[in-house]
Protein backbone atom coordinates (compact mmCIF):
# COMPACT_ATOMS: atom_id res chain seq x y z
CA UNK A 1 61.29 -71.96 -27.39
CA UNK A 2 61.24 -74.31 -24.44
CA UNK A 3 57.88 -75.41 -23.01
CA UNK A 4 59.16 -74.33 -19.57
CA UNK A 5 58.67 -70.70 -20.62
CA UNK A 6 55.08 -71.09 -21.81
CA UNK A 7 52.48 -69.86 -19.34
CA UNK A 8 49.32 -71.98 -19.25
CA UNK A 9 46.08 -70.56 -20.59
CA UNK A 10 43.37 -70.24 -17.94
CA UNK A 11 40.72 -72.96 -18.13
CA UNK A 12 38.24 -71.26 -15.79
CA UNK A 13 37.47 -67.95 -14.13
CA UNK A 14 35.32 -66.89 -11.21
CA UNK A 15 34.07 -63.46 -10.20
CA UNK A 16 33.83 -62.27 -6.62
CA UNK A 17 33.43 -59.10 -4.60
CA UNK A 18 33.79 -57.84 -1.04
CA UNK A 19 33.81 -54.96 1.43
CA UNK A 20 36.09 -54.34 4.40
CA UNK A 21 36.23 -51.70 7.14
CA UNK A 22 39.11 -51.05 9.52
CA UNK A 23 41.08 -48.34 11.29
CA UNK A 24 43.94 -48.86 8.80
CA UNK A 25 43.60 -48.94 5.03
CA UNK A 26 45.71 -52.11 4.43
CA UNK A 27 43.58 -54.05 6.91
CA UNK A 28 40.38 -52.80 5.26
CA UNK A 29 41.71 -54.23 1.96
CA UNK A 30 42.53 -57.53 3.68
CA UNK A 31 39.00 -57.68 5.11
CA UNK A 32 37.48 -56.92 1.69
CA UNK A 33 39.56 -59.76 0.22
CA UNK A 34 38.41 -62.06 3.04
CA UNK A 35 34.81 -61.10 2.35
CA UNK A 36 35.44 -62.02 -1.31
CA UNK A 37 37.16 -65.29 -0.31
CA UNK A 38 40.50 -64.52 -2.00
CA UNK A 39 42.70 -63.30 0.86
CA UNK A 40 44.77 -66.48 1.03
CA UNK A 41 46.12 -66.29 -2.52
CA UNK A 42 49.02 -64.35 -4.06
CA UNK A 43 47.23 -62.30 -6.69
CA UNK A 44 49.06 -61.23 -9.84
CA UNK A 45 47.30 -58.52 -11.86
CA UNK A 46 46.90 -59.21 -15.59
CA UNK A 47 45.25 -57.36 -18.46
CA UNK A 48 41.66 -58.06 -19.50
CA UNK A 49 41.68 -60.86 -22.05
CA UNK A 50 39.23 -63.72 -21.47
CA UNK A 51 40.56 -66.83 -23.27
CA UNK A 52 38.10 -68.38 -25.73
CA UNK A 53 37.74 -71.71 -23.90
CA UNK A 54 37.75 -70.24 -20.38
CA UNK A 55 34.69 -71.47 -18.46
CA UNK A 56 32.95 -69.21 -15.94
CA UNK A 57 32.56 -71.08 -12.63
CA UNK A 58 31.14 -70.28 -9.20
CA UNK A 59 33.19 -68.68 -6.45
CA UNK A 60 32.97 -71.79 -4.26
CA UNK A 61 34.10 -74.06 -7.10
CA UNK A 62 36.98 -71.70 -7.94
CA UNK A 63 38.22 -71.38 -4.38
CA UNK A 64 38.00 -75.16 -3.93
CA UNK A 65 40.41 -75.57 -6.89
CA UNK A 66 43.06 -73.27 -5.35
CA UNK A 67 45.50 -73.72 -2.46
CA UNK A 68 46.49 -71.15 0.18
CA UNK A 69 49.63 -69.29 -0.91
CA UNK A 70 49.14 -70.20 -4.57
CA UNK A 71 50.11 -67.59 -7.16
CA UNK A 72 46.86 -66.72 -8.94
CA UNK A 73 46.35 -64.50 -11.98
CA UNK A 74 43.40 -62.17 -12.28
CA UNK A 75 42.01 -58.66 -12.39
CA UNK A 76 41.05 -56.75 -9.28
CA UNK A 77 39.31 -53.42 -9.04
CA UNK A 78 39.70 -51.70 -5.68
CA UNK A 79 38.57 -48.43 -4.11
CA UNK A 80 39.08 -47.09 -0.57
CA UNK A 81 38.02 -44.08 1.47
CA UNK A 82 38.09 -42.84 5.03
CA UNK A 83 35.52 -40.12 4.30
CA UNK A 84 32.23 -40.73 6.10
CA UNK A 85 29.29 -41.49 3.80
CA UNK A 86 31.30 -41.18 0.56
CA UNK A 87 29.93 -43.59 -2.07
CA UNK A 88 32.63 -45.81 -3.57
CA UNK A 89 32.51 -48.67 -6.05
CA UNK A 90 34.64 -51.29 -7.77
CA UNK A 91 33.44 -53.29 -10.75
CA UNK A 92 34.43 -55.91 -13.31
CA UNK A 93 32.68 -56.28 -16.70
CA UNK A 94 32.86 -59.18 -19.18
CA UNK A 95 32.01 -59.56 -22.85
CA UNK A 96 32.17 -62.96 -24.60
CA UNK A 97 31.83 -63.46 -28.37
CA UNK A 98 29.78 -66.16 -30.09
CA UNK A 99 32.72 -67.34 -32.16
CA UNK A 100 35.63 -69.28 -30.77
CA UNK A 101 37.51 -66.08 -30.01
CA UNK A 102 38.77 -64.36 -26.92
CA UNK A 103 36.65 -61.91 -24.98
CA UNK A 104 37.35 -58.93 -22.76
CA UNK A 105 37.27 -58.17 -19.06
CA UNK A 106 37.23 -54.54 -17.95
CA UNK A 107 37.55 -52.93 -14.55
CA UNK A 108 36.57 -49.62 -13.00
CA UNK A 109 36.74 -48.09 -9.56
CA UNK A 110 35.80 -44.69 -8.26
CA UNK A 111 33.47 -42.51 -6.28
CA UNK A 112 29.88 -41.39 -6.61
CA UNK A 113 28.59 -44.12 -8.97
CA UNK A 114 25.88 -46.58 -7.95
CA UNK A 115 26.28 -50.32 -8.44
CA UNK A 116 23.90 -50.21 -11.41
CA UNK A 117 25.73 -47.35 -13.12
CA UNK A 118 29.13 -48.96 -12.49
CA UNK A 119 27.85 -52.31 -13.78
CA UNK A 120 26.57 -50.73 -16.99
CA UNK A 121 29.86 -48.85 -17.40
CA UNK A 122 32.14 -51.90 -17.04
CA UNK A 123 29.92 -54.00 -19.33
CA UNK A 124 29.98 -51.18 -21.86
CA UNK A 125 33.78 -50.97 -21.74
CA UNK A 126 34.21 -54.73 -22.22
CA UNK A 127 31.58 -54.89 -24.99
CA UNK A 128 33.10 -51.88 -26.77
CA UNK A 129 36.58 -53.44 -26.73
CA UNK A 130 35.11 -56.67 -28.10
CA UNK A 131 33.04 -54.87 -30.75
CA UNK A 132 36.04 -52.97 -32.09
CA UNK A 133 38.04 -56.22 -32.25
CA UNK A 134 35.22 -57.88 -34.20
CA UNK A 135 34.89 -54.93 -36.60
CA UNK A 136 31.37 -53.96 -35.50
CA UNK A 137 30.66 -50.38 -36.47
CA UNK A 138 28.86 -48.21 -33.95
CA UNK A 139 28.66 -44.63 -32.76
CA UNK A 140 30.56 -44.33 -29.45
CA UNK A 141 28.48 -41.25 -28.60
CA UNK A 142 25.32 -43.38 -28.34
CA UNK A 143 24.35 -44.63 -24.92
CA UNK A 144 25.14 -48.19 -23.93
CA UNK A 145 21.56 -49.48 -24.33
CA UNK A 146 21.52 -48.31 -27.96
CA UNK A 147 24.93 -49.87 -28.63
CA UNK A 148 23.87 -53.13 -26.93
CA UNK A 149 21.16 -53.46 -29.57
CA UNK A 150 23.75 -52.98 -32.34
CA UNK A 151 25.96 -55.68 -30.76
CA UNK A 152 22.99 -58.07 -30.50
CA UNK A 153 21.89 -57.45 -34.10
CA UNK A 154 25.42 -58.16 -35.32
CA UNK A 155 25.27 -61.58 -33.64
CA UNK A 156 28.76 -60.99 -32.25
CA UNK A 157 28.31 -60.82 -28.48
CA UNK A 158 26.93 -63.86 -26.70
CA UNK A 159 26.82 -62.41 -23.25
CA UNK A 160 27.91 -59.54 -21.10
CA UNK A 161 27.89 -59.53 -17.35
CA UNK A 162 29.29 -57.62 -14.42
CA UNK A 163 30.06 -57.88 -10.75
CA UNK A 164 30.14 -54.70 -8.69
CA UNK A 165 30.66 -53.87 -5.03
CA UNK A 166 29.71 -50.48 -3.66
CA UNK A 167 29.56 -49.08 -0.15
CA UNK A 168 29.37 -45.81 1.72
CA UNK A 169 32.36 -44.68 3.71
CA UNK A 170 32.10 -45.64 7.38
CA UNK A 171 30.17 -43.00 9.33
CA UNK A 172 32.91 -42.97 12.01
CA UNK A 173 35.76 -42.48 9.53
CA UNK A 174 37.13 -46.04 9.43
CA UNK A 175 38.74 -46.97 6.13
CA UNK A 176 36.19 -48.62 3.84
CA UNK A 177 37.47 -50.68 0.91
CA UNK A 178 35.46 -52.35 -1.87
CA UNK A 179 36.82 -54.85 -4.38
CA UNK A 180 35.59 -56.78 -7.39
CA UNK A 181 37.78 -59.47 -8.92
CA UNK A 182 38.06 -61.94 -11.77
CA UNK A 183 40.26 -64.87 -10.69
CA UNK A 184 41.71 -67.29 -13.25
CA UNK A 185 42.12 -71.03 -12.67
CA UNK A 186 44.86 -72.75 -14.69
């Protein structure tokens, strides 16, 4: 196989979030992306694998490494509503193993969940995917705090984290959009 067909493995990733409000839904998404600092890139959605050597960097460092119009790979969770006062959220969760092995990034969006609940949920999803890959046995019916202790005792998960954006729908019925994103740097 020719090297021209090999896609580079991301060397870094940054996590960002934003909220936008506008009369039209597409513009509310654009404003949410502006708030997150990623509106000037061509985003290509990928699945949730975090490469083993991928370094987590700050938003400002990540954006500084990119150019307007650049095709950028990542995950984006997005939720929109034009219903006044409706709670909406978008979140990204990450789980990284101790060993030199890939991790997982999960995403969730929806209505009625607080930032804290969404953050726990996306971390739980990422950690559960990682745990099953590493062969850690656990009871999926247990709550996340109980399973976190099992993951820690196994020594398998170094760190989990999340980034979540929530908002209430605009009281005057403007479209409200929230996003959370993981953006890869090649």
